[in-house]
Amino acid sequence: MRALLDASQSWAQLTARSQVLASAAAQCDAVEAWGRESRDHQYRMMWARVLVQRTLHTHRRGQHGAYALAEEARKACHLAITFMPESPLPWVALLALAPLDSPHPRERLPENRQTCWEPGIPEGPWGLLHEADKRDAFNREAWHHALRALLAYQVSAEGAVNFSRWASLSAPRESAVRLLPLYVHVERFRRRHNRAETPRLHWAGSGISFYTLRAANEWFPHTDKTTWSPLDLNHLAQALHHGGTPARDVFEAIGSCATRTPWQDIAPDGRSWQEEFLQARHLRLHERGLPRAGGLT
């Protein structure tokens, strides 16, 4: 673990790598064992990440103790900041806890109800995002946590949409933050579907097609392929497919690395997310005369 963290890499790569490591380490005592041998700056960062993951797992399962774990995790994050003041990772970890806070602004921690520097954006964890952004501009995980916080706080639909569009338009073309509007529209589709609405033209509307085509034409061909997230590719493929736009290149890039989200969120009743993905992939590859690809692995 230490060798992976100490390897030469960008902040974006370290953020992604540490998140994967923390997800695994949260299920065991590997980081505790590390701490018994050495409590260097990398240990402090990983301990904060692990505590955040354990807090999130506890909260998702509806188990008691999430609040106490969150307090312990925040303390570990602030301690990591003192050891690694130049790193965005402790700030990203604090942002991961923001969606767990209360939907009611007066009941939230002060750090999660700050005024955004962009007009028209609801109160949220903008000080934390600003600190992460100063250290690694448009860090993918940081901006996704900020969006999740807005969705968790149940702000108006316009608030989350405005945030995602502002973020997308502000980010450089190689940044995955450009795809945030696609995530918002999947969530909006899911909520409308749960209310028994049938928004079949949802993906063809100008509000989403503009950002979908922008991601396909600017982000997809210009970003570093080694930094692609399967989630981002699947969201782009889904939005292109349901918007009636050719998506062969994106499905080829996905290969068999399909992700449950967004396919599960838009699959009709009775159809599994795997079936939804495979049908979409077959249609988009077949429309260009390519043979049908194999199943998922």
C-alpha atoms as a PDB file:
ATOM      1  CA  MET A   1       0.000   0.000   0.000  1.00  0.00           C
ATOM      2  CA  ARG A   2       2.769   2.430   0.948  1.00  0.00           C
ATOM      3  CA  ALA A   3       4.607   1.752  -2.328  1.00  0.00           C
ATOM      4  CA  LEU A   4       1.478   2.536  -4.355  1.00  0.00           C
ATOM      5  CA  LEU A   5       0.976   5.793  -2.494  1.00  0.00           C
ATOM      6  CA  ASP A   6       4.635   6.829  -2.701  1.00  0.00           C
ATOM      7  CA  ALA A   7       4.885   6.212  -6.443  1.00  0.00           C
ATOM      8  CA  SER A   8       5.313   9.240  -8.697  1.00  0.00           C
ATOM      9  CA  GLN A   9       1.806  10.297  -9.724  1.00  0.00           C
ATOM     10  CA  SER A  10      -0.468  13.288 -10.125  1.00  0.00           C
ATOM     11  CA  TRP A  11      -2.884  14.423  -7.438  1.00  0.00           C
ATOM     12  CA  ALA A  12      -5.732  13.095  -9.557  1.00  0.00           C
ATOM     13  CA  GLN A  13      -4.121   9.661  -9.778  1.00  0.00           C
ATOM     14  CA  LEU A  14      -3.318   9.628  -6.059  1.00  0.00           C
ATOM     15  CA  THR A  15      -6.887  10.641  -5.238  1.00  0.00           C
ATOM     16  CA  ALA A  16      -8.325   7.778  -7.267  1.00  0.00           C
ATOM     17  CA  ARG A  17      -5.771   5.262  -6.018  1.00  0.00           C
ATOM     18  CA  SER A  18      -6.179   6.189  -2.353  1.00  0.00           C
ATOM     19  CA  GLN A  19      -9.964   5.941  -2.648  1.00  0.00           C
ATOM     20  CA  VAL A  20      -9.739   2.397  -4.017  1.00  0.00           C
ATOM     21  CA  LEU A  21      -7.231   1.406  -1.339  1.00  0.00           C
ATOM     22  CA  ALA A  22      -9.347   2.947   1.404  1.00  0.00           C
ATOM     23  CA  SER A  23     -12.463   1.091   0.238  1.00  0.00           C
ATOM     24  CA  ALA A  24     -10.603  -2.198   0.595  1.00  0.00           C
ATOM     25  CA  ALA A  25      -8.763  -1.267   3.789  1.00  0.00           C
ATOM     26  CA  ALA A  26     -12.006  -0.200   5.478  1.00  0.00           C
ATOM     27  CA  GLN A  27     -12.946  -3.891   5.635  1.00  0.00           C
ATOM     28  CA  CYS A  28      -9.803  -4.971   7.481  1.00  0.00           C
ATOM     29  CA  ASP A  29      -7.143  -3.708   9.904  1.00  0.00           C
ATOM     30  CA  ALA A  30      -4.325  -3.119   7.404  1.00  0.00           C
ATOM     31  CA  VAL A  31      -4.094   0.613   8.112  1.00  0.00           C
ATOM     32  CA  GLU A  32      -4.290   0.048  11.877  1.00  0.00           C
ATOM     33  CA  ALA A  33      -1.312  -2.311  11.530  1.00  0.00           C
ATOM     34  CA  TRP A  34       0.508   0.338   9.518  1.00  0.00           C
ATOM     35  CA  GLY A  35      -0.128   2.855  12.284  1.00  0.00           C
ATOM     36  CA  ARG A  36       1.457   0.579  14.880  1.00  0.00           C
ATOM     37  CA  GLU A  37       4.679   0.670  12.860  1.00  0.00           C
ATOM     38  CA  SER A  38       4.736   4.241  11.582  1.00  0.00           C
ATOM     39  CA  ARG A  39       2.505   7.281  11.728  1.00  0.00           C
ATOM     40  CA  ASP A  40       3.919   9.243   8.833  1.00  0.00           C
ATOM     41  CA  HIS A  41       1.983  11.613   6.577  1.00  0.00           C
ATOM     42  CA  GLN A  42       0.791   8.851   4.224  1.00  0.00           C
ATOM     43  CA  TYR A  43      -0.582   6.885   7.156  1.00  0.00           C
ATOM     44  CA  ARG A  44      -2.432   9.967   8.418  1.00  0.00           C
ATOM     45  CA  MET A  45      -4.015  10.477   5.022  1.00  0.00           C
ATOM     46  CA  MET A  46      -5.033   6.836   4.612  1.00  0.00           C
ATOM     47  CA  TRP A  47      -6.380   6.621   8.148  1.00  0.00           C
ATOM     48  CA  ALA A  48      -8.635   9.584   7.414  1.00  0.00           C
ATOM     49  CA  ARG A  49      -9.753   7.984   4.145  1.00  0.00           C
ATOM     50  CA  VAL A  50     -10.487   4.665   5.852  1.00  0.00           C
ATOM     51  CA  LEU A  51     -12.522   6.284   8.622  1.00  0.00           C
ATOM     52  CA  VAL A  52     -14.538   8.178   6.019  1.00  0.00           C
ATOM     53  CA  GLN A  53     -15.252   4.939   4.144  1.00  0.00           C
ATOM     54  CA  ARG A  54     -16.346   3.204   7.348  1.00  0.00           C
ATOM     55  CA  THR A  55     -18.621   6.118   8.134  1.00  0.00           C
ATOM     56  CA  LEU A  56     -20.212   5.950   4.683  1.00  0.00           C
ATOM     57  CA  HIS A  57     -20.694   2.178   4.932  1.00  0.00           C
ATOM     58  CA  THR A  58     -22.323   2.519   8.353  1.00  0.00           C
ATOM     59  CA  HIS A  59     -24.611   5.280   7.132  1.00  0.00           C
ATOM     60  CA  ARG A  60     -25.697   3.363   4.004  1.00  0.00           C
ATOM     61  CA  ARG A  61     -26.593   0.327   6.078  1.00  0.00           C
ATOM     62  CA  GLY A  62     -28.634   2.441   8.466  1.00  0.00           C
ATOM     63  CA  GLN A  63     -26.584   1.255  11.414  1.00  0.00           C
ATOM     64  CA  HIS A  64     -26.089   3.137  14.658  1.00  0.00           C
ATOM     65  CA  GLY A  65     -22.816   4.940  15.221  1.00  0.00           C
ATOM     66  CA  ALA A  66     -22.516   6.800  11.911  1.00  0.00           C
ATOM     67  CA  TYR A  67     -22.571  10.190  13.650  1.00  0.00           C
ATOM     68  CA  ALA A  68     -19.776   9.250  16.078  1.00  0.00           C
ATOM     69  CA  LEU A  69     -17.732   7.752  13.253  1.00  0.00           C
ATOM     70  CA  ALA A  70     -18.184  10.920  11.200  1.00  0.00           C
ATOM     71  CA  GLU A  71     -16.834  13.026  14.051  1.00  0.00           C
ATOM     72  CA  GLU A  72     -13.808  10.748  14.393  1.00  0.00           C
ATOM     73  CA  ALA A  73     -13.264  10.866  10.622  1.00  0.00           C
ATOM     74  CA  ARG A  74     -13.398  14.668  10.539  1.00  0.00           C
ATOM     75  CA  LYS A  75     -10.790  14.860  13.298  1.00  0.00           C
ATOM     76  CA  ALA A  76      -8.552  12.476  11.345  1.00  0.00           C
ATOM     77  CA  CYS A  77      -8.993  14.602   8.200  1.00  0.00           C
ATOM     78  CA  HIS A  78      -8.000  17.798  10.000  1.00  0.00           C
ATOM     79  CA  LEU A  79      -4.991  16.049  11.515  1.00  0.00           C
ATOM     80  CA  ALA A  80      -3.981  14.833   8.045  1.00  0.00           C
ATOM     81  CA  ILE A  81      -4.192  18.434   6.827  1.00  0.00           C
ATOM     82  CA  THR A  82      -1.532  19.434   9.353  1.00  0.00           C
ATOM     83  CA  PHE A  83       0.748  16.642   8.077  1.00  0.00           C
ATOM     84  CA  MET A  84      -0.001  17.286   4.375  1.00  0.00           C
ATOM     85  CA  PRO A  85      -0.997  20.937   3.995  1.00  0.00           C
ATOM     86  CA  GLU A  86      -0.289  20.857   0.246  1.00  0.00           C
ATOM     87  CA  SER A  87      -2.482  17.812  -0.417  1.00  0.00           C
ATOM     88  CA  PRO A  88      -6.106  17.977  -1.640  1.00  0.00           C
ATOM     89  CA  LEU A  89      -6.860  14.497  -0.271  1.00  0.00           C
ATOM     90  CA  PRO A  90      -7.901  15.389   3.311  1.00  0.00           C
ATOM     91  CA  TRP A  91     -10.216  18.057   1.879  1.00  0.00           C
ATOM     92  CA  VAL A  92     -11.651  15.535  -0.566  1.00  0.00           C
ATOM     93  CA  ALA A  93     -12.241  13.182   2.358  1.00  0.00           C
ATOM     94  CA  LEU A  94     -14.080  15.915   4.266  1.00  0.00           C
ATOM     95  CA  LEU A  95     -16.212  16.549   1.178  1.00  0.00           C
ATOM     96  CA  ALA A  96     -17.140  12.853   1.122  1.00  0.00           C
ATOM     97  CA  LEU A  97     -18.805  13.342   4.516  1.00  0.00           C
ATOM     98  CA  ALA A  98     -20.788  16.408   3.423  1.00  0.00           C
ATOM     99  CA  PRO A  99     -23.753  14.472   1.906  1.00  0.00           C
ATOM    100  CA  LEU A 100     -24.391  12.889   5.314  1.00  0.00           C
ATOM    101  CA  ASP A 101     -25.261  16.249   6.843  1.00  0.00           C
ATOM    102  CA  SER A 102     -28.806  17.523   7.388  1.00  0.00           C
ATOM    103  CA  PRO A 103     -30.959  18.752   4.470  1.00  0.00           C
ATOM    104  CA  HIS A 104     -31.923  21.712   6.670  1.00  0.00           C
ATOM    105  CA  PRO A 105     -29.286  24.474   6.417  1.00  0.00           C
ATOM    106  CA  ARG A 106     -29.640  25.575  10.045  1.00  0.00           C
ATOM    107  CA  GLU A 107     -28.919  22.037  11.259  1.00  0.00           C
ATOM    108  CA  ARG A 108     -25.829  21.532   9.127  1.00  0.00           C
ATOM    109  CA  LEU A 109     -22.231  22.006  10.136  1.00  0.00           C
ATOM    110  CA  PRO A 110     -20.977  25.488   9.207  1.00  0.00           C
ATOM    111  CA  GLU A 111     -18.580  23.961   6.671  1.00  0.00           C
ATOM    112  CA  ASN A 112     -21.552  22.503   4.767  1.00  0.00           C
ATOM    113  CA  ARG A 113     -23.689  25.634   4.503  1.00  0.00           C
ATOM    114  CA  GLN A 114     -21.373  28.211   3.035  1.00  0.00           C
ATOM    115  CA  THR A 115     -22.122  30.637   0.234  1.00  0.00           C
ATOM    116  CA  CYS A 116     -20.700  29.631  -3.130  1.00  0.00           C
ATOM    117  CA  TRP A 117     -18.423  32.009  -5.018  1.00  0.00           C
ATOM    118  CA  GLU A 118     -20.658  31.455  -8.056  1.00  0.00           C
ATOM    119  CA  PRO A 119     -23.998  33.321  -7.826  1.00  0.00           C
ATOM    120  CA  GLY A 120     -27.160  31.235  -7.962  1.00  0.00           C
ATOM    121  CA  ILE A 121     -25.712  28.096  -6.353  1.00  0.00           C
ATOM    122  CA  PRO A 122     -27.403  26.930  -3.091  1.00  0.00           C
ATOM    123  CA  GLU A 123     -25.483  26.875   0.179  1.00  0.00           C
ATOM    124  CA  GLY A 124     -23.179  23.911   0.501  1.00  0.00           C
ATOM    125  CA  PRO A 125     -19.631  22.710   1.313  1.00  0.00           C
ATOM    126  CA  TRP A 126     -18.024  25.369  -0.829  1.00  0.00           C
ATOM    127  CA  GLY A 127     -15.181  26.210   1.516  1.00  0.00           C
ATOM    128  CA  LEU A 128     -14.081  22.567   1.454  1.00  0.00           C
ATOM    129  CA  LEU A 129     -14.357  22.454  -2.331  1.00  0.00           C
ATOM    130  CA  HIS A 130     -12.374  25.683  -2.627  1.00  0.00           C
ATOM    131  CA  GLU A 131      -9.561  24.238  -0.510  1.00  0.00           C
ATOM    132  CA  ALA A 132      -9.443  21.037  -2.587  1.00  0.00           C
ATOM    133  CA  ASP A 133      -9.591  23.048  -5.793  1.00  0.00           C
ATOM    134  CA  LYS A 134      -6.662  25.262  -4.754  1.00  0.00           C
ATOM    135  CA  ARG A 135      -4.520  22.158  -4.457  1.00  0.00           C
ATOM    136  CA  ASP A 136      -5.839  20.202  -7.454  1.00  0.00           C
ATOM    137  CA  ALA A 137      -8.098  22.172  -9.770  1.00  0.00           C
ATOM    138  CA  PHE A 138     -11.267  20.308 -10.798  1.00  0.00           C
ATOM    139  CA  ASN A 139     -10.425  17.197  -8.826  1.00  0.00           C
ATOM    140  CA  ARG A 140     -13.028  14.693 -10.040  1.00  0.00           C
ATOM    141  CA  GLU A 141     -13.853  13.170  -6.660  1.00  0.00           C
ATOM    142  CA  ALA A 142     -14.093  16.538  -4.930  1.00  0.00           C
ATOM    143  CA  TRP A 143     -16.620  17.939  -7.397  1.00  0.00           C
ATOM    144  CA  HIS A 144     -18.663  14.741  -7.386  1.00  0.00           C
ATOM    145  CA  HIS A 145     -18.900  14.844  -3.585  1.00  0.00           C
ATOM    146  CA  ALA A 146     -20.063  18.452  -3.776  1.00  0.00           C
ATOM    147  CA  LEU A 147     -22.773  17.453  -6.249  1.00  0.00           C
ATOM    148  CA  ARG A 148     -23.836  14.518  -4.060  1.00  0.00           C
ATOM    149  CA  ALA A 149     -24.146  16.915  -1.148  1.00  0.00           C
ATOM    150  CA  LEU A 150     -26.552  19.137  -3.071  1.00  0.00           C
ATOM    151  CA  LEU A 151     -28.616  16.131  -4.112  1.00  0.00           C
ATOM    152  CA  ALA A 152     -28.634  14.805  -0.543  1.00  0.00           C
ATOM    153  CA  TYR A 153     -29.719  18.200   0.805  1.00  0.00           C
ATOM    154  CA  GLN A 154     -32.718  17.967  -1.541  1.00  0.00           C
ATOM    155  CA  VAL A 155     -32.191  21.427  -2.941  1.00  0.00           C
ATOM    156  CA  SER A 156     -34.337  22.472  -5.866  1.00  0.00           C
ATOM    157  CA  ALA A 157     -33.783  20.629  -9.133  1.00  0.00           C
ATOM    158  CA  GLU A 158     -32.560  23.890 -10.615  1.00  0.00           C
ATOM    159  CA  GLY A 159     -29.939  24.217  -7.892  1.00  0.00           C
ATOM    160  CA  ALA A 160     -28.247  20.895  -8.671  1.00  0.00           C
ATOM    161  CA  VAL A 161     -28.596  21.449 -12.425  1.00  0.00           C
ATOM    162  CA  ASN A 162     -27.120  24.944 -12.183  1.00  0.00           C
ATOM    163  CA  PHE A 163     -24.188  23.656 -10.155  1.00  0.00           C
ATOM    164  CA  SER A 164     -23.435  20.856 -12.599  1.00  0.00           C
ATOM    165  CA  ARG A 165     -23.668  23.145 -15.615  1.00  0.00           C
ATOM    166  CA  TRP A 166     -21.486  25.808 -14.021  1.00  0.00           C
ATOM    167  CA  ALA A 167     -18.907  23.169 -13.117  1.00  0.00           C
ATOM    168  CA  SER A 168     -18.993  21.660 -16.608  1.00  0.00           C
ATOM    169  CA  LEU A 169     -18.610  25.002 -18.360  1.00  0.00           C
ATOM    170  CA  SER A 170     -15.777  26.058 -16.036  1.00  0.00           C
ATOM    171  CA  ALA A 171     -13.718  22.859 -16.327  1.00  0.00           C
ATOM    172  CA  PRO A 172     -11.036  22.401 -18.988  1.00  0.00           C
ATOM    173  CA  ARG A 173     -11.972  20.085 -21.824  1.00  0.00           C
ATOM    174  CA  GLU A 174      -9.877  17.164 -20.527  1.00  0.00           C
ATOM    175  CA  SER A 175     -11.519  17.280 -17.088  1.00  0.00           C
ATOM    176  CA  ALA A 176     -14.098  14.645 -16.098  1.00  0.00           C
ATOM    177  CA  VAL A 177     -15.965  17.430 -14.268  1.00  0.00           C
ATOM    178  CA  ARG A 178     -17.385  18.259 -17.700  1.00  0.00           C
ATOM    179  CA  LEU A 179     -19.639  15.212 -17.351  1.00  0.00           C
ATOM    180  CA  LEU A 180     -21.372  16.297 -14.129  1.00  0.00           C
ATOM    181  CA  PRO A 181     -24.607  17.340 -15.907  1.00  0.00           C
ATOM    182  CA  LEU A 182     -25.005  13.762 -17.129  1.00  0.00           C
ATOM    183  CA  TYR A 183     -25.017  12.494 -13.539  1.00  0.00           C
ATOM    184  CA  VAL A 184     -27.620  15.067 -12.524  1.00  0.00           C
ATOM    185  CA  HIS A 185     -29.928  14.114 -15.352  1.00  0.00           C
ATOM    186  CA  VAL A 186     -29.702  10.414 -14.492  1.00  0.00           C
ATOM    187  CA  GLU A 187     -30.788  11.291 -10.962  1.00  0.00           C
ATOM    188  CA  ARG A 188     -33.631  13.483 -12.253  1.00  0.00           C
ATOM    189  CA  PHE A 189     -34.761  10.695 -14.601  1.00  0.00           C
ATOM    190  CA  ARG A 190     -34.725   8.172 -11.747  1.00  0.00           C
ATOM    191  CA  ARG A 191     -36.805  10.428  -9.504  1.00  0.00           C
ATOM    192  CA  ARG A 192     -39.342  11.113 -12.250  1.00  0.00           C
ATOM    193  CA  HIS A 193     -39.558   7.404 -13.036  1.00  0.00           C
ATOM    194  CA  ASN A 194     -40.198   6.640  -9.363  1.00  0.00           C
ATOM    195  CA  ARG A 195     -43.139   9.061  -9.507  1.00  0.00           C
ATOM    196  CA  ALA A 196     -44.614   6.952 -12.337  1.00  0.00           C
ATOM    197  CA  GLU A 197     -43.839   9.606 -14.934  1.00  0.00           C
ATOM    198  CA  THR A 198     -42.642   8.484 -18.361  1.00  0.00           C
ATOM    199  CA  PRO A 199     -39.959  10.998 -19.434  1.00  0.00           C
ATOM    200  CA  ARG A 200     -39.025   9.252 -22.688  1.00  0.00           C
ATOM    201  CA  LEU A 201     -37.886  12.508 -24.292  1.00  0.00           C
ATOM    202  CA  HIS A 202     -35.768  13.335 -21.251  1.00  0.00           C
ATOM    203  CA  TRP A 203     -32.452  12.623 -22.997  1.00  0.00           C
ATOM    204  CA  ALA A 204     -33.285  14.499 -26.183  1.00  0.00           C
ATOM    205  CA  GLY A 205     -33.967  17.817 -24.474  1.00  0.00           C
ATOM    206  CA  SER A 206     -31.577  20.652 -25.198  1.00  0.00           C
ATOM    207  CA  GLY A 207     -30.685  20.952 -21.512  1.00  0.00           C
ATOM    208  CA  ILE A 208     -28.905  17.596 -21.549  1.00  0.00           C
ATOM    209  CA  SER A 209     -28.054  17.047 -25.224  1.00  0.00           C
ATOM    210  CA  PHE A 210     -25.800  20.121 -25.272  1.00  0.00           C
ATOM    211  CA  TYR A 211     -23.621  18.778 -22.437  1.00  0.00           C
ATOM    212  CA  THR A 212     -23.729  15.231 -23.791  1.00  0.00           C
ATOM    213  CA  LEU A 213     -22.482  16.269 -27.224  1.00  0.00           C
ATOM    214  CA  ARG A 214     -19.942  18.618 -25.673  1.00  0.00           C
ATOM    215  CA  ALA A 215     -18.512  15.749 -23.619  1.00  0.00           C
ATOM    216  CA  ALA A 216     -18.495  13.423 -26.635  1.00  0.00           C
ATOM    217  CA  ASN A 217     -16.835  15.932 -28.967  1.00  0.00           C
ATOM    218  CA  GLU A 218     -14.407  17.629 -26.588  1.00  0.00           C
ATOM    219  CA  TRP A 219     -13.797  15.585 -23.434  1.00  0.00           C
ATOM    220  CA  PHE A 220     -13.813  12.049 -24.869  1.00  0.00           C
ATOM    221  CA  PRO A 221     -11.273  12.542 -27.690  1.00  0.00           C
ATOM    222  CA  HIS A 222      -8.900  14.808 -25.767  1.00  0.00           C
ATOM    223  CA  THR A 223      -8.649  13.364 -22.268  1.00  0.00           C
ATOM    224  CA  ASP A 224      -5.866  11.000 -21.232  1.00  0.00           C
ATOM    225  CA  LYS A 225      -7.259   7.492 -21.790  1.00  0.00           C
ATOM    226  CA  THR A 226      -5.340   6.192 -18.777  1.00  0.00           C
ATOM    227  CA  THR A 227      -7.450   8.439 -16.536  1.00  0.00           C
ATOM    228  CA  TRP A 228     -10.847   7.350 -17.894  1.00  0.00           C
ATOM    229  CA  SER A 229     -13.324   6.328 -15.238  1.00  0.00           C
ATOM    230  CA  PRO A 230     -15.663   3.462 -16.238  1.00  0.00           C
ATOM    231  CA  LEU A 231     -18.490   5.405 -14.587  1.00  0.00           C
ATOM    232  CA  ASP A 232     -17.853   8.438 -16.775  1.00  0.00           C
ATOM    233  CA  LEU A 233     -17.700   6.340 -19.945  1.00  0.00           C
ATOM    234  CA  ASN A 234     -20.918   4.526 -19.061  1.00  0.00           C
ATOM    235  CA  HIS A 235     -22.750   7.774 -18.293  1.00  0.00           C
ATOM    236  CA  LEU A 236     -21.618   9.231 -21.599  1.00  0.00           C
ATOM    237  CA  ALA A 237     -22.580   6.105 -23.554  1.00  0.00           C
ATOM    238  CA  GLN A 238     -25.998   5.978 -21.894  1.00  0.00           C
ATOM    239  CA  ALA A 239     -26.738   9.654 -22.555  1.00  0.00           C
ATOM    240  CA  LEU A 240     -25.644   9.370 -26.180  1.00  0.00           C
ATOM    241  CA  HIS A 241     -27.627   6.178 -26.728  1.00  0.00           C
ATOM    242  CA  HIS A 242     -30.878   7.427 -25.225  1.00  0.00           C
ATOM    243  CA  GLY A 243     -30.422  10.799 -26.873  1.00  0.00           C
ATOM    244  CA  GLY A 244     -30.342   9.102 -30.271  1.00  0.00           C
ATOM    245  CA  THR A 245     -26.714   9.975 -30.991  1.00  0.00           C
ATOM    246  CA  PRO A 246     -24.097   7.539 -32.389  1.00  0.00           C
ATOM    247  CA  ALA A 247     -22.023   6.120 -29.556  1.00  0.00           C
ATOM    248  CA  ARG A 248     -19.935   3.368 -31.124  1.00  0.00           C
ATOM    249  CA  ASP A 249     -16.555   4.805 -30.085  1.00  0.00           C
ATOM    250  CA  VAL A 250     -17.623   5.189 -26.457  1.00  0.00           C
ATOM    251  CA  PHE A 251     -19.033   1.654 -26.257  1.00  0.00           C
ATOM    252  CA  GLU A 252     -15.806   0.349 -27.770  1.00  0.00           C
ATOM    253  CA  ALA A 253     -13.857   2.217 -25.096  1.00  0.00           C
ATOM    254  CA  ILE A 254     -16.049   0.657 -22.386  1.00  0.00           C
ATOM    255  CA  GLY A 255     -15.521  -2.870 -23.673  1.00  0.00           C
ATOM    256  CA  SER A 256     -16.897  -5.181 -20.996  1.00  0.00           C
ATOM    257  CA  CYS A 257     -16.378  -2.664 -18.162  1.00  0.00           C
ATOM    258  CA  ALA A 258     -20.059  -1.864 -17.711  1.00  0.00           C
ATOM    259  CA  THR A 259     -21.120  -0.232 -14.450  1.00  0.00           C
ATOM    260  CA  ARG A 260     -24.409  -0.737 -12.640  1.00  0.00           C
ATOM    261  CA  THR A 261     -25.040   3.005 -12.662  1.00  0.00           C
ATOM    262  CA  PRO A 262     -26.504   4.545 -14.840  1.00  0.00           C
ATOM    263  CA  TRP A 263     -28.027   1.480 -16.564  1.00  0.00           C
ATOM    264  CA  GLN A 264     -29.874   0.331 -13.462  1.00  0.00           C
ATOM    265  CA  ASP A 265     -31.389   3.785 -12.994  1.00  0.00           C
ATOM    266  CA  ILE A 266     -32.917   3.933 -16.471  1.00  0.00           C
ATOM    267  CA  ALA A 267     -33.755   0.266 -17.143  1.00  0.00           C
ATOM    268  CA  PRO A 268     -37.473  -0.414 -17.680  1.00  0.00           C
ATOM    269  CA  ASP A 269     -39.262  -2.513 -15.072  1.00  0.00           C
ATOM    270  CA  GLY A 270     -38.394  -6.163 -15.368  1.00  0.00           C
ATOM    271  CA  ARG A 271     -35.148  -5.642 -17.247  1.00  0.00           C
ATOM    272  CA  SER A 272     -31.807  -6.057 -15.541  1.00  0.00           C
ATOM    273  CA  TRP A 273     -29.148  -3.392 -15.881  1.00  0.00           C
ATOM    274  CA  GLN A 274     -26.925  -5.892 -17.706  1.00  0.00           C
ATOM    275  CA  GLU A 275     -29.642  -6.475 -20.293  1.00  0.00           C
ATOM    276  CA  GLU A 276     -30.115  -2.730 -20.691  1.00  0.00           C
ATOM    277  CA  PHE A 277     -26.405  -2.221 -21.299  1.00  0.00           C
ATOM    278  CA  LEU A 278     -26.003  -5.169 -23.664  1.00  0.00           C
ATOM    279  CA  GLN A 279     -28.975  -4.123 -25.773  1.00  0.00           C
ATOM    280  CA  ALA A 280     -27.685  -0.554 -26.030  1.00  0.00           C
ATOM    281  CA  ARG A 281     -24.186  -1.747 -26.910  1.00  0.00           C
ATOM    282  CA  HIS A 282     -25.456  -4.155 -29.553  1.00  0.00           C
ATOM    283  CA  LEU A 283     -27.587  -1.476 -31.200  1.00  0.00           C
ATOM    284  CA  ARG A 284     -24.806   1.102 -31.276  1.00  0.00           C
ATOM    285  CA  LEU A 285     -22.136  -1.284 -32.539  1.00  0.00           C
ATOM    286  CA  HIS A 286     -24.448  -2.942 -35.033  1.00  0.00           C
ATOM    287  CA  GLU A 287     -25.604   0.326 -36.579  1.00  0.00           C
ATOM    288  CA  ARG A 288     -22.118   0.734 -38.046  1.00  0.00           C
ATOM    289  CA  GLY A 289     -22.005  -2.828 -39.349  1.00  0.00           C
ATOM    290  CA  LEU A 290     -19.767  -4.182 -36.594  1.00  0.00           C
ATOM    291  CA  PRO A 291     -20.311  -7.700 -35.251  1.00  0.00           C
ATOM    292  CA  ARG A 292     -22.057  -8.053 -31.931  1.00  0.00           C
ATOM    293  CA  ALA A 293     -19.647  -7.904 -28.989  1.00  0.00           C
ATOM    294  CA  GLY A 294     -19.462 -10.604 -26.350  1.00  0.00           C
ATOM    295  CA  GLY A 295     -21.092 -10.616 -22.962  1.00  0.00           C
ATOM    296  CA  LEU A 296     -19.947  -8.958 -19.784  1.00  0.00           C
ATOM    297  CA  THR A 297     -16.966 -10.250 -17.873  1.00  0.00           C
END
